[in-house]
C-alpha atoms as a PDB file:
ATOM      1  CA  UNK A   1       6.638 -12.746  32.840  1.00  0.00           C
ATOM      2  CA  UNK A   2       9.970 -11.832  31.242  1.00  0.00           C
ATOM      3  CA  UNK A   3      10.599  -8.140  30.564  1.00  0.00           C
ATOM      4  CA  UNK A   4      12.838  -6.587  27.897  1.00  0.00           C
ATOM      5  CA  UNK A   5      13.864  -2.983  28.499  1.00  0.00           C
ATOM      6  CA  UNK A   6      15.364  -0.467  26.064  1.00  0.00           C
ATOM      7  CA  UNK A   7      19.152  -0.021  26.219  1.00  0.00           C
ATOM      8  CA  UNK A   8      18.702   3.564  27.363  1.00  0.00           C
ATOM      9  CA  UNK A   9      16.091   6.203  28.121  1.00  0.00           C
ATOM     10  CA  UNK A  10      16.173   9.199  25.800  1.00  0.00           C
ATOM     11  CA  UNK A  11      15.516  12.390  27.842  1.00  0.00           C
ATOM     12  CA  UNK A  12      14.465  14.218  24.669  1.00  0.00           C
ATOM     13  CA  UNK A  13      11.796  11.581  24.046  1.00  0.00           C
ATOM     14  CA  UNK A  14      10.152  12.526  27.355  1.00  0.00           C
ATOM     15  CA  UNK A  15       9.584  16.141  26.312  1.00  0.00           C
ATOM     16  CA  UNK A  16       6.019  17.324  26.561  1.00  0.00           C
ATOM     17  CA  UNK A  17       4.892  14.522  28.811  1.00  0.00           C
ATOM     18  CA  UNK A  18       1.457  15.374  30.222  1.00  0.00           C
ATOM     19  CA  UNK A  19       0.120  13.017  32.940  1.00  0.00           C
ATOM     20  CA  UNK A  20      -3.403  14.347  32.267  1.00  0.00           C
ATOM     21  CA  UNK A  21      -3.338  13.712  28.524  1.00  0.00           C
ATOM     22  CA  UNK A  22      -6.053  11.546  27.017  1.00  0.00           C
ATOM     23  CA  UNK A  23      -4.960   8.399  25.178  1.00  0.00           C
ATOM     24  CA  UNK A  24      -6.669   8.426  21.788  1.00  0.00           C
ATOM     25  CA  UNK A  25      -7.119   5.238  19.747  1.00  0.00           C
ATOM     26  CA  UNK A  26      -7.483   5.280  15.954  1.00  0.00           C
ATOM     27  CA  UNK A  27      -7.648   2.321  13.584  1.00  0.00           C
ATOM     28  CA  UNK A  28      -8.367   1.294  10.027  1.00  0.00           C
ATOM     29  CA  UNK A  29      -7.317  -0.998   7.193  1.00  0.00           C
ATOM     30  CA  UNK A  30      -4.303  -0.881   4.893  1.00  0.00           C
ATOM     31  CA  UNK A  31      -1.944  -3.182   2.993  1.00  0.00           C
ATOM     32  CA  UNK A  32      -4.311  -6.127   3.331  1.00  0.00           C
ATOM     33  CA  UNK A  33      -4.262  -5.868   7.120  1.00  0.00           C
ATOM     34  CA  UNK A  34      -5.199  -3.421   9.880  1.00  0.00           C
ATOM     35  CA  UNK A  35      -3.538  -0.395  11.437  1.00  0.00           C
ATOM     36  CA  UNK A  36      -3.939   0.960  14.962  1.00  0.00           C
ATOM     37  CA  UNK A  37      -2.506   4.049  16.634  1.00  0.00           C
ATOM     38  CA  UNK A  38      -2.563   4.976  20.331  1.00  0.00           C
ATOM     39  CA  UNK A  39      -1.293   8.407  21.306  1.00  0.00           C
ATOM     40  CA  UNK A  40      -1.259  10.871  24.159  1.00  0.00           C
ATOM     41  CA  UNK A  41      -3.202  13.768  22.673  1.00  0.00           C
ATOM     42  CA  UNK A  42      -1.789  17.273  23.153  1.00  0.00           C
ATOM     43  CA  UNK A  43      -4.224  19.995  24.134  1.00  0.00           C
ATOM     44  CA  UNK A  44      -6.518  21.101  21.286  1.00  0.00           C
ATOM     45  CA  UNK A  45      -5.444  18.117  19.195  1.00  0.00           C
ATOM     46  CA  UNK A  46      -7.347  17.799  15.899  1.00  0.00           C
ATOM     47  CA  UNK A  47      -8.068  14.078  16.146  1.00  0.00           C
ATOM     48  CA  UNK A  48     -10.047  13.974  12.893  1.00  0.00           C
ATOM     49  CA  UNK A  49      -7.191  15.772  11.153  1.00  0.00           C
ATOM     50  CA  UNK A  50      -4.745  13.195  12.515  1.00  0.00           C
ATOM     51  CA  UNK A  51      -6.919  10.327  11.273  1.00  0.00           C
ATOM     52  CA  UNK A  52      -7.274  11.804   7.798  1.00  0.00           C
ATOM     53  CA  UNK A  53      -3.538  12.454   7.585  1.00  0.00           C
ATOM     54  CA  UNK A  54      -2.755   8.842   8.538  1.00  0.00           C
ATOM     55  CA  UNK A  55      -5.172   7.508   5.927  1.00  0.00           C
ATOM     56  CA  UNK A  56      -3.645   9.751   3.229  1.00  0.00           C
ATOM     57  CA  UNK A  57      -0.102   8.799   4.195  1.00  0.00           C
ATOM     58  CA  UNK A  58      -0.832   5.082   4.056  1.00  0.00           C
ATOM     59  CA  UNK A  59      -2.705   5.403   0.759  1.00  0.00           C
ATOM     60  CA  UNK A  60       0.312   7.152  -0.728  1.00  0.00           C
ATOM     61  CA  UNK A  61       2.621   4.324   0.331  1.00  0.00           C
ATOM     62  CA  UNK A  62       0.268   1.716  -1.139  1.00  0.00           C
ATOM     63  CA  UNK A  63       0.182   3.654  -4.430  1.00  0.00           C
ATOM     64  CA  UNK A  64       3.978   3.488  -4.544  1.00  0.00           C
ATOM     65  CA  UNK A  65       4.928   0.046  -3.235  1.00  0.00           C
ATOM     66  CA  UNK A  66       1.994  -2.369  -3.381  1.00  0.00           C
ATOM     67  CA  UNK A  67       2.379  -5.440  -5.592  1.00  0.00           C
ATOM     68  CA  UNK A  68      -1.388  -5.958  -5.293  1.00  0.00           C
ATOM     69  CA  UNK A  69      -2.252  -2.670  -7.054  1.00  0.00           C
ATOM     70  CA  UNK A  70      -1.787  -2.968 -10.842  1.00  0.00           C
ATOM     71  CA  UNK A  71      -0.997   0.721 -11.376  1.00  0.00           C
ATOM     72  CA  UNK A  72       1.302   1.187  -8.370  1.00  0.00           C
ATOM     73  CA  UNK A  73       4.794   2.443  -9.115  1.00  0.00           C
ATOM     74  CA  UNK A  74       6.186  -0.941  -8.071  1.00  0.00           C
ATOM     75  CA  UNK A  75       3.882  -2.766 -10.497  1.00  0.00           C
ATOM     76  CA  UNK A  76       4.870  -0.390 -13.289  1.00  0.00           C
ATOM     77  CA  UNK A  77       8.560  -0.992 -12.537  1.00  0.00           C
ATOM     78  CA  UNK A  78       7.984  -4.745 -12.655  1.00  0.00           C
ATOM     79  CA  UNK A  79       6.464  -4.373 -16.144  1.00  0.00           C
ATOM     80  CA  UNK A  80       9.148  -2.001 -17.420  1.00  0.00           C
ATOM     81  CA  UNK A  81      11.456  -2.950 -20.273  1.00  0.00           C
ATOM     82  CA  UNK A  82      15.043  -4.059 -19.841  1.00  0.00           C
ATOM     83  CA  UNK A  83      17.357  -1.064 -19.565  1.00  0.00           C
ATOM     84  CA  UNK A  84      14.691   1.217 -18.063  1.00  0.00           C
ATOM     85  CA  UNK A  85      15.650   3.557 -15.222  1.00  0.00           C
ATOM     86  CA  UNK A  86      12.839   4.514 -12.819  1.00  0.00           C
ATOM     87  CA  UNK A  87      13.121   7.568 -10.579  1.00  0.00           C
ATOM     88  CA  UNK A  88      11.802   6.663  -7.134  1.00  0.00           C
ATOM     89  CA  UNK A  89       9.970   9.021  -4.757  1.00  0.00           C
ATOM     90  CA  UNK A  90      11.596   9.456  -1.318  1.00  0.00           C
ATOM     91  CA  UNK A  91       9.693   6.685   0.528  1.00  0.00           C
ATOM     92  CA  UNK A  92      10.260   4.087  -2.171  1.00  0.00           C
ATOM     93  CA  UNK A  93      13.895   5.183  -2.437  1.00  0.00           C
ATOM     94  CA  UNK A  94      14.459   4.795   1.305  1.00  0.00           C
ATOM     95  CA  UNK A  95      12.948   1.306   1.292  1.00  0.00           C
ATOM     96  CA  UNK A  96      15.094   0.232  -1.657  1.00  0.00           C
ATOM     97  CA  UNK A  97      18.290   1.811  -0.310  1.00  0.00           C
ATOM     98  CA  UNK A  98      17.977   0.180   3.104  1.00  0.00           C
ATOM     99  CA  UNK A  99      16.487  -3.014   1.724  1.00  0.00           C
ATOM    100  CA  UNK A 100      19.409  -3.600  -0.620  1.00  0.00           C
ATOM    101  CA  UNK A 101      21.830  -2.908   2.241  1.00  0.00           C
ATOM    102  CA  UNK A 102      20.084  -5.504   4.430  1.00  0.00           C
ATOM    103  CA  UNK A 103      20.050  -7.947   1.503  1.00  0.00           C
ATOM    104  CA  UNK A 104      23.833  -7.595   1.233  1.00  0.00           C
ATOM    105  CA  UNK A 105      24.360  -7.943   4.993  1.00  0.00           C
ATOM    106  CA  UNK A 106      22.159 -11.037   5.211  1.00  0.00           C
ATOM    107  CA  UNK A 107      23.714 -12.529   2.068  1.00  0.00           C
ATOM    108  CA  UNK A 108      20.344 -12.522   0.347  1.00  0.00           C
ATOM    109  CA  UNK A 109      18.290 -14.097   3.131  1.00  0.00           C
ATOM    110  CA  UNK A 110      16.219 -10.942   2.783  1.00  0.00           C
ATOM    111  CA  UNK A 111      15.652 -10.171  -0.891  1.00  0.00           C
ATOM    112  CA  UNK A 112      13.337  -7.445  -2.253  1.00  0.00           C
ATOM    113  CA  UNK A 113      13.464  -8.844  -5.819  1.00  0.00           C
ATOM    114  CA  UNK A 114      11.585 -12.137  -5.471  1.00  0.00           C
ATOM    115  CA  UNK A 115       8.367 -11.080  -7.149  1.00  0.00           C
ATOM    116  CA  UNK A 116       8.614 -13.694  -9.928  1.00  0.00           C
ATOM    117  CA  UNK A 117       9.026 -16.496  -7.404  1.00  0.00           C
ATOM    118  CA  UNK A 118       6.257 -15.170  -5.177  1.00  0.00           C
ATOM    119  CA  UNK A 119       3.912 -15.094  -8.168  1.00  0.00           C
ATOM    120  CA  UNK A 120       4.826 -18.528  -9.504  1.00  0.00           C
ATOM    121  CA  UNK A 121       4.044 -20.076  -6.116  1.00  0.00           C
ATOM    122  CA  UNK A 122       0.738 -18.187  -5.932  1.00  0.00           C
ATOM    123  CA  UNK A 123       1.748 -16.226  -2.841  1.00  0.00           C
ATOM    124  CA  UNK A 124       1.114 -12.838  -4.456  1.00  0.00           C
ATOM    125  CA  UNK A 125      -1.736 -11.264  -6.400  1.00  0.00           C
ATOM    126  CA  UNK A 126      -1.778 -13.968  -9.090  1.00  0.00           C
ATOM    127  CA  UNK A 127      -3.647 -17.158  -8.206  1.00  0.00           C
ATOM    128  CA  UNK A 128      -2.217 -20.484  -9.399  1.00  0.00           C
ATOM    129  CA  UNK A 129      -4.039 -23.788  -9.697  1.00  0.00           C
ATOM    130  CA  UNK A 130      -1.188 -25.946  -8.428  1.00  0.00           C
ATOM    131  CA  UNK A 131       2.381 -25.665  -7.107  1.00  0.00           C
ATOM    132  CA  UNK A 132       4.937 -24.855  -9.824  1.00  0.00           C
ATOM    133  CA  UNK A 133       7.075 -27.555 -11.396  1.00  0.00           C
ATOM    134  CA  UNK A 134      10.876 -27.492 -11.300  1.00  0.00           C
ATOM    135  CA  UNK A 135      11.183 -25.838 -14.722  1.00  0.00           C
ATOM    136  CA  UNK A 136       8.867 -22.986 -13.728  1.00  0.00           C
ATOM    137  CA  UNK A 137      10.723 -22.458 -10.442  1.00  0.00           C
ATOM    138  CA  UNK A 138      14.102 -22.406 -12.185  1.00  0.00           C
ATOM    139  CA  UNK A 139      12.890 -19.866 -14.755  1.00  0.00           C
ATOM    140  CA  UNK A 140      11.491 -17.566 -12.046  1.00  0.00           C
ATOM    141  CA  UNK A 141      14.630 -17.997  -9.954  1.00  0.00           C
ATOM    142  CA  UNK A 142      16.849 -17.050 -12.888  1.00  0.00           C
ATOM    143  CA  UNK A 143      15.119 -13.670 -13.263  1.00  0.00           C
ATOM    144  CA  UNK A 144      15.013 -12.946  -9.507  1.00  0.00           C
ATOM    145  CA  UNK A 145      17.488 -11.631  -6.972  1.00  0.00           C
ATOM    146  CA  UNK A 146      18.612  -8.345  -5.481  1.00  0.00           C
ATOM    147  CA  UNK A 147      21.983  -8.544  -7.237  1.00  0.00           C
ATOM    148  CA  UNK A 148      20.217  -8.047 -10.567  1.00  0.00           C
ATOM    149  CA  UNK A 149      19.163  -4.571  -9.428  1.00  0.00           C
ATOM    150  CA  UNK A 150      21.246  -1.424  -9.822  1.00  0.00           C
ATOM    151  CA  UNK A 151      20.290   1.505  -7.615  1.00  0.00           C
ATOM    152  CA  UNK A 152      21.726   5.034  -7.817  1.00  0.00           C
ATOM    153  CA  UNK A 153      20.984   6.720  -4.467  1.00  0.00           C
ATOM    154  CA  UNK A 154      22.158  10.134  -5.642  1.00  0.00           C
ATOM    155  CA  UNK A 155      19.364  10.498  -8.165  1.00  0.00           C
ATOM    156  CA  UNK A 156      17.089   7.824  -6.624  1.00  0.00           C
ATOM    157  CA  UNK A 157      17.205   5.843  -9.887  1.00  0.00           C
ATOM    158  CA  UNK A 158      16.454   2.102 -10.013  1.00  0.00           C
ATOM    159  CA  UNK A 159      17.492   0.062 -13.054  1.00  0.00           C
ATOM    160  CA  UNK A 160      15.409  -2.724 -14.572  1.00  0.00           C
ATOM    161  CA  UNK A 161      17.829  -5.291 -15.968  1.00  0.00           C
ATOM    162  CA  UNK A 162      15.000  -7.239 -17.559  1.00  0.00           C
ATOM    163  CA  UNK A 163      12.294  -9.372 -16.000  1.00  0.00           C
ATOM    164  CA  UNK A 164      13.131  -8.451 -12.382  1.00  0.00           C
ATOM    165  CA  UNK A 165      10.024  -8.193 -10.215  1.00  0.00           C
ATOM    166  CA  UNK A 166      10.031  -6.463  -6.841  1.00  0.00           C
ATOM    167  CA  UNK A 167       8.065  -7.694  -3.831  1.00  0.00           C
ATOM    168  CA  UNK A 168       8.459  -5.438  -0.806  1.00  0.00           C
ATOM    169  CA  UNK A 169       6.000  -7.239   1.473  1.00  0.00           C
ATOM    170  CA  UNK A 170       8.868  -8.056   3.857  1.00  0.00           C
ATOM    171  CA  UNK A 171       9.866  -4.418   4.422  1.00  0.00           C
ATOM    172  CA  UNK A 172       7.271  -1.889   3.203  1.00  0.00           C
ATOM    173  CA  UNK A 173       4.884  -2.500   6.093  1.00  0.00           C
ATOM    174  CA  UNK A 174       7.666  -1.765   8.561  1.00  0.00           C
ATOM    175  CA  UNK A 175       8.475   1.461   6.724  1.00  0.00           C
ATOM    176  CA  UNK A 176       4.795   2.412   6.889  1.00  0.00           C
ATOM    177  CA  UNK A 177       4.866   2.034  10.695  1.00  0.00           C
ATOM    178  CA  UNK A 178       7.871   4.371  10.900  1.00  0.00           C
ATOM    179  CA  UNK A 179       6.231   6.809   8.480  1.00  0.00           C
ATOM    180  CA  UNK A 180       3.046   7.065  10.545  1.00  0.00           C
ATOM    181  CA  UNK A 181       5.042   7.554  13.752  1.00  0.00           C
ATOM    182  CA  UNK A 182       7.005  10.347  12.059  1.00  0.00           C
ATOM    183  CA  UNK A 183       3.768  11.872  10.742  1.00  0.00           C
ATOM    184  CA  UNK A 184       2.387  12.112  14.278  1.00  0.00           C
ATOM    185  CA  UNK A 185       5.262  14.389  15.220  1.00  0.00           C
ATOM    186  CA  UNK A 186       4.002  16.974  12.722  1.00  0.00           C
ATOM    187  CA  UNK A 187       0.935  17.204  14.973  1.00  0.00           C
ATOM    188  CA  UNK A 188       3.189  17.614  18.057  1.00  0.00           C
ATOM    189  CA  UNK A 189       2.320  14.054  19.093  1.00  0.00           C
ATOM    190  CA  UNK A 190       5.500  12.773  20.724  1.00  0.00           C
ATOM    191  CA  UNK A 191       4.107   9.866  22.731  1.00  0.00           C
ATOM    192  CA  UNK A 192       2.526   7.127  20.630  1.00  0.00           C
ATOM    193  CA  UNK A 193       2.316   3.453  19.743  1.00  0.00           C
ATOM    194  CA  UNK A 194       1.820   2.598  16.065  1.00  0.00           C
ATOM    195  CA  UNK A 195       0.944  -0.887  14.794  1.00  0.00           C
ATOM    196  CA  UNK A 196       0.325  -2.246  11.303  1.00  0.00           C
ATOM    197  CA  UNK A 197      -0.327  -5.963  10.929  1.00  0.00           C
ATOM    198  CA  UNK A 198       1.665  -6.851  14.042  1.00  0.00           C
ATOM    199  CA  UNK A 199       4.684  -4.594  13.365  1.00  0.00           C
ATOM    200  CA  UNK A 200       5.000  -1.895  16.034  1.00  0.00           C
ATOM    201  CA  UNK A 201       6.970   1.172  17.029  1.00  0.00           C
ATOM    202  CA  UNK A 202       6.734   3.047  20.322  1.00  0.00           C
ATOM    203  CA  UNK A 203       7.727   6.654  20.879  1.00  0.00           C
ATOM    204  CA  UNK A 204       7.900   8.439  24.226  1.00  0.00           C
ATOM    205  CA  UNK A 205       5.805   7.124  27.139  1.00  0.00           C
ATOM    206  CA  UNK A 206       2.204   6.794  28.237  1.00  0.00           C
ATOM    207  CA  UNK A 207       0.563   9.566  30.287  1.00  0.00           C
ATOM    208  CA  UNK A 208       0.777   7.352  33.386  1.00  0.00           C
ATOM    209  CA  UNK A 209       4.576   7.268  33.030  1.00  0.00           C
ATOM    210  CA  UNK A 210       4.754   3.671  31.807  1.00  0.00           C
ATOM    211  CA  UNK A 211       6.347   2.791  28.481  1.00  0.00           C
ATOM    212  CA  UNK A 212       4.195   1.383  25.705  1.00  0.00           C
ATOM    213  CA  UNK A 213       4.096  -2.274  26.745  1.00  0.00           C
ATOM    214  CA  UNK A 214       3.610  -4.974  24.110  1.00  0.00           C
ATOM    215  CA  UNK A 215       3.910  -8.747  24.331  1.00  0.00           C
ATOM    216  CA  UNK A 216       6.048 -10.551  21.776  1.00  0.00           C
ATOM    217  CA  UNK A 217       3.964 -12.721  19.474  1.00  0.00           C
ATOM    218  CA  UNK A 218       3.832 -16.450  20.162  1.00  0.00           C
ATOM    219  CA  UNK A 219       2.756 -18.844  17.395  1.00  0.00           C
ATOM    220  CA  UNK A 220      -0.523 -20.690  18.069  1.00  0.00           C
ATOM    221  CA  UNK A 221      -0.049 -23.995  19.807  1.00  0.00           C
ATOM    222  CA  UNK A 222       3.414 -23.050  21.104  1.00  0.00           C
ATOM    223  CA  UNK A 223       3.842 -22.948  24.888  1.00  0.00           C
ATOM    224  CA  UNK A 224       6.669 -20.639  25.965  1.00  0.00           C
ATOM    225  CA  UNK A 225       7.033 -18.053  28.701  1.00  0.00           C
ATOM    226  CA  UNK A 226       5.627 -14.643  27.703  1.00  0.00           C
ATOM    227  CA  UNK A 227       8.080 -11.861  26.855  1.00  0.00           C
ATOM    228  CA  UNK A 228       6.961  -8.264  27.346  1.00  0.00           C
ATOM    229  CA  UNK A 229       8.718  -5.359  25.638  1.00  0.00           C
ATOM    230  CA  UNK A 230       8.959  -1.751  26.756  1.00  0.00           C
ATOM    231  CA  UNK A 231       8.718  -0.020  23.368  1.00  0.00           C
ATOM    232  CA  UNK A 232      10.392   3.258  24.190  1.00  0.00           C
ATOM    233  CA  UNK A 233      12.141   4.500  21.054  1.00  0.00           C
ATOM    234  CA  UNK A 234      12.091   0.965  19.665  1.00  0.00           C
ATOM    235  CA  UNK A 235      10.264  -1.115  17.087  1.00  0.00           C
ATOM    236  CA  UNK A 236       9.472  -4.809  16.865  1.00  0.00           C
ATOM    237  CA  UNK A 237       8.483  -7.047  13.965  1.00  0.00           C
ATOM    238  CA  UNK A 238       7.701 -10.744  13.838  1.00  0.00           C
ATOM    239  CA  UNK A 239       7.855 -13.061  10.840  1.00  0.00           C
ATOM    240  CA  UNK A 240       6.514 -16.583  10.733  1.00  0.00           C
ATOM    241  CA  UNK A 241       4.575 -18.887   8.469  1.00  0.00           C
ATOM    242  CA  UNK A 242       1.899 -19.275  11.139  1.00  0.00           C
ATOM    243  CA  UNK A 243       0.679 -15.772  10.231  1.00  0.00           C
ATOM    244  CA  UNK A 244      -0.165 -16.299   6.539  1.00  0.00           C
ATOM    245  CA  UNK A 245       0.709 -19.947   5.915  1.00  0.00           C
ATOM    246  CA  UNK A 246       3.882 -21.205   4.236  1.00  0.00           C
ATOM    247  CA  UNK A 247       4.397 -18.045   2.184  1.00  0.00           C
ATOM    248  CA  UNK A 248       8.055 -17.307   2.874  1.00  0.00           C
ATOM    249  CA  UNK A 249      10.378 -18.058  -0.048  1.00  0.00           C
ATOM    250  CA  UNK A 250      14.008 -19.016   0.426  1.00  0.00           C
ATOM    251  CA  UNK A 251      15.784 -16.776  -2.125  1.00  0.00           C
ATOM    252  CA  UNK A 252      18.609 -19.300  -2.495  1.00  0.00           C
ATOM    253  CA  UNK A 253      16.393 -22.223  -3.527  1.00  0.00           C
ATOM    254  CA  UNK A 254      13.326 -20.499  -4.941  1.00  0.00           C
ATOM    255  CA  UNK A 255      11.163 -22.690  -2.738  1.00  0.00           C
ATOM    256  CA  UNK A 256       9.281 -22.230   0.566  1.00  0.00           C
ATOM    257  CA  UNK A 257      11.544 -22.271   3.600  1.00  0.00           C
ATOM    258  CA  UNK A 258      12.437 -25.436   5.501  1.00  0.00           C
ATOM    259  CA  UNK A 259      14.527 -23.736   8.200  1.00  0.00           C
ATOM    260  CA  UNK A 260      12.467 -24.978  11.139  1.00  0.00           C
ATOM    261  CA  UNK A 261      11.885 -21.380  12.293  1.00  0.00           C
ATOM    262  CA  UNK A 262       8.217 -20.869  13.153  1.00  0.00           C
ATOM    263  CA  UNK A 263       8.690 -17.342  14.505  1.00  0.00           C
ATOM    264  CA  UNK A 264      11.421 -14.712  14.266  1.00  0.00           C
ATOM    265  CA  UNK A 265      11.027 -11.486  16.233  1.00  0.00           C
ATOM    266  CA  UNK A 266      13.432  -8.572  15.881  1.00  0.00           C
ATOM    267  CA  UNK A 267      13.712  -5.459  18.044  1.00  0.00           C
ATOM    268  CA  UNK A 268      15.326  -2.491  16.330  1.00  0.00           C
ATOM    269  CA  UNK A 269      15.316   1.294  16.289  1.00  0.00           C
ATOM    270  CA  UNK A 270      13.136   1.247  13.141  1.00  0.00           C
ATOM    271  CA  UNK A 271      10.272  -0.983  12.122  1.00  0.00           C
ATOM    272  CA  UNK A 272      11.654  -1.049   8.559  1.00  0.00           C
ATOM    273  CA  UNK A 273      14.841  -2.766   9.690  1.00  0.00           C
ATOM    274  CA  UNK A 274      13.002  -4.992  12.176  1.00  0.00           C
ATOM    275  CA  UNK A 275      10.618  -6.134   9.428  1.00  0.00           C
ATOM    276  CA  UNK A 276      13.354  -6.996   6.922  1.00  0.00           C
ATOM    277  CA  UNK A 277      15.596  -8.676   9.505  1.00  0.00           C
ATOM    278  CA  UNK A 278      12.707 -10.794  10.828  1.00  0.00           C
ATOM    279  CA  UNK A 279      12.150 -12.092   7.303  1.00  0.00           C
ATOM    280  CA  UNK A 280      15.870 -12.766   6.862  1.00  0.00           C
ATOM    281  CA  UNK A 281      16.149 -14.735  10.100  1.00  0.00           C
ATOM    282  CA  UNK A 282      13.095 -16.820   9.240  1.00  0.00           C
ATOM    283  CA  UNK A 283      14.809 -17.796   5.985  1.00  0.00           C
ATOM    284  CA  UNK A 284      18.337 -18.257   7.347  1.00  0.00           C
ATOM    285  CA  UNK A 285      17.366 -20.526  10.236  1.00  0.00           C
ATOM    286  CA  UNK A 286      18.648 -20.751  13.810  1.00  0.00           C
ATOM    287  CA  UNK A 287      22.319 -21.385  13.040  1.00  0.00           C
ATOM    288  CA  UNK A 288      23.117 -18.994  10.177  1.00  0.00           C
ATOM    289  CA  UNK A 289      20.428 -16.544  11.271  1.00  0.00           C
ATOM    290  CA  UNK A 290      21.677 -16.162  14.825  1.00  0.00           C
ATOM    291  CA  UNK A 291      25.244 -15.768  13.572  1.00  0.00           C
ATOM    292  CA  UNK A 292      24.219 -12.992  11.169  1.00  0.00           C
ATOM    293  CA  UNK A 293      22.137 -11.273  13.828  1.00  0.00           C
ATOM    294  CA  UNK A 294      24.942 -11.505  16.394  1.00  0.00           C
ATOM    295  CA  UNK A 295      27.487 -10.050  13.958  1.00  0.00           C
ATOM    296  CA  UNK A 296      25.122  -7.148  13.171  1.00  0.00           C
ATOM    297  CA  UNK A 297      24.220  -6.627  16.869  1.00  0.00           C
ATOM    298  CA  UNK A 298      20.555  -7.373  16.194  1.00  0.00           C
ATOM    299  CA  UNK A 299      18.228  -8.098  19.119  1.00  0.00           C
ATOM    300  CA  UNK A 300      16.188 -11.133  18.097  1.00  0.00           C
ATOM    301  CA  UNK A 301      14.317 -14.180  19.323  1.00  0.00           C
ATOM    302  CA  UNK A 302      13.790 -17.242  17.162  1.00  0.00           C
ATOM    303  CA  UNK A 303      11.308 -19.983  17.995  1.00  0.00           C
ATOM    304  CA  UNK A 304      12.010 -23.287  16.274  1.00  0.00           C
ATOM    305  CA  UNK A 305      10.298 -26.662  16.167  1.00  0.00           C
ATOM    306  CA  UNK A 306      12.255 -29.815  15.326  1.00  0.00           C
ATOM    307  CA  UNK A 307      11.034 -33.363  15.949  1.00  0.00           C
ATOM    308  CA  UNK A 308       8.227 -31.953  18.052  1.00  0.00           C
ATOM    309  CA  UNK A 309      10.622 -30.069  20.324  1.00  0.00           C
ATOM    310  CA  UNK A 310      10.165 -26.300  20.767  1.00  0.00           C
ATOM    311  CA  UNK A 311      13.217 -24.150  21.397  1.00  0.00           C
ATOM    312  CA  UNK A 312      13.810 -20.443  21.931  1.00  0.00           C
ATOM    313  CA  UNK A 313      17.010 -18.819  20.675  1.00  0.00           C
ATOM    314  CA  UNK A 314      18.130 -15.350  21.800  1.00  0.00           C
ATOM    315  CA  UNK A 315      20.840 -13.131  20.391  1.00  0.00           C
ATOM    316  CA  UNK A 316      23.289 -11.461  22.812  1.00  0.00           C
ATOM    317  CA  UNK A 317      21.719  -8.053  22.089  1.00  0.00           C
ATOM    318  CA  UNK A 318      18.329  -9.279  23.288  1.00  0.00           C
ATOM    319  CA  UNK A 319      19.824 -11.103  26.258  1.00  0.00           C
ATOM    320  CA  UNK A 320      21.372  -7.833  27.415  1.00  0.00           C
ATOM    321  CA  UNK A 321      17.920  -6.198  27.296  1.00  0.00           C
ATOM    322  CA  UNK A 322      16.456  -9.014  29.353  1.00  0.00           C
ATOM    323  CA  UNK A 323      19.229  -8.674  31.891  1.00  0.00           C
ATOM    324  CA  UNK A 324      18.549  -4.951  32.073  1.00  0.00           C
END
């Protein structure tokens, strides 16, 4: 078993550690998947209050950023007329601000404005009878792309240039993981593991003094040595077509990816960034993706299959964690 350790231990993150604390497990459904929270409960913890707060928080994020909900703010933006400015609430604004920054850094390998392409391929909320033809793909591609968006962070205003459709499925779930972890702190819960659909963040440590251990996902049918992460002040996200089928679009071609990457896992300080970067590396492939990740000091593992041969690729940042 290979072990990846955090770069450092944060003394402040160990505050309030209680070896006798009970580990409480809560779970539910959101964003078309499931959520699960484990936490070391402080004395007199209102567990029902925590559960209700999590459910409300997640429902609020869905109401803002779901492309499956017709009256969500995202859906209303997608239907807005050319020239319209939409004022975003703080969560939506944070996702767009950081998402556009990651889009620029990854040269569009991650792109939050691919909704038209997602829909024309039938990967979103609109079912299609058959794969799109070249003319349909070109039309959707012409109205897509993060560079067609203008965002004013000062006033949290997002501009609709005309026909641009957002799809935040490659980043919003990660933000939701961070948001729930932050919410737990308002209940004085400092030691927790939060997971939504396979994206995780760990804060503090378990009552027994161990970190929150999680095993990196391995695609079905792939035989590689397990890799266990100590999620102390870290998040991890994995992207791969084995999870939902061939649903990842290459923003540069407007077509499903052919990069050979079957799994991209990213370890980061936030699940938002890990989520978006995992998508970007899946699109970019092992050569361009690893170069981008290395230049940005991203800890990542890519699993590729070519001619029946399985390979693992590690960035220097992840190698240093393994050596630790």
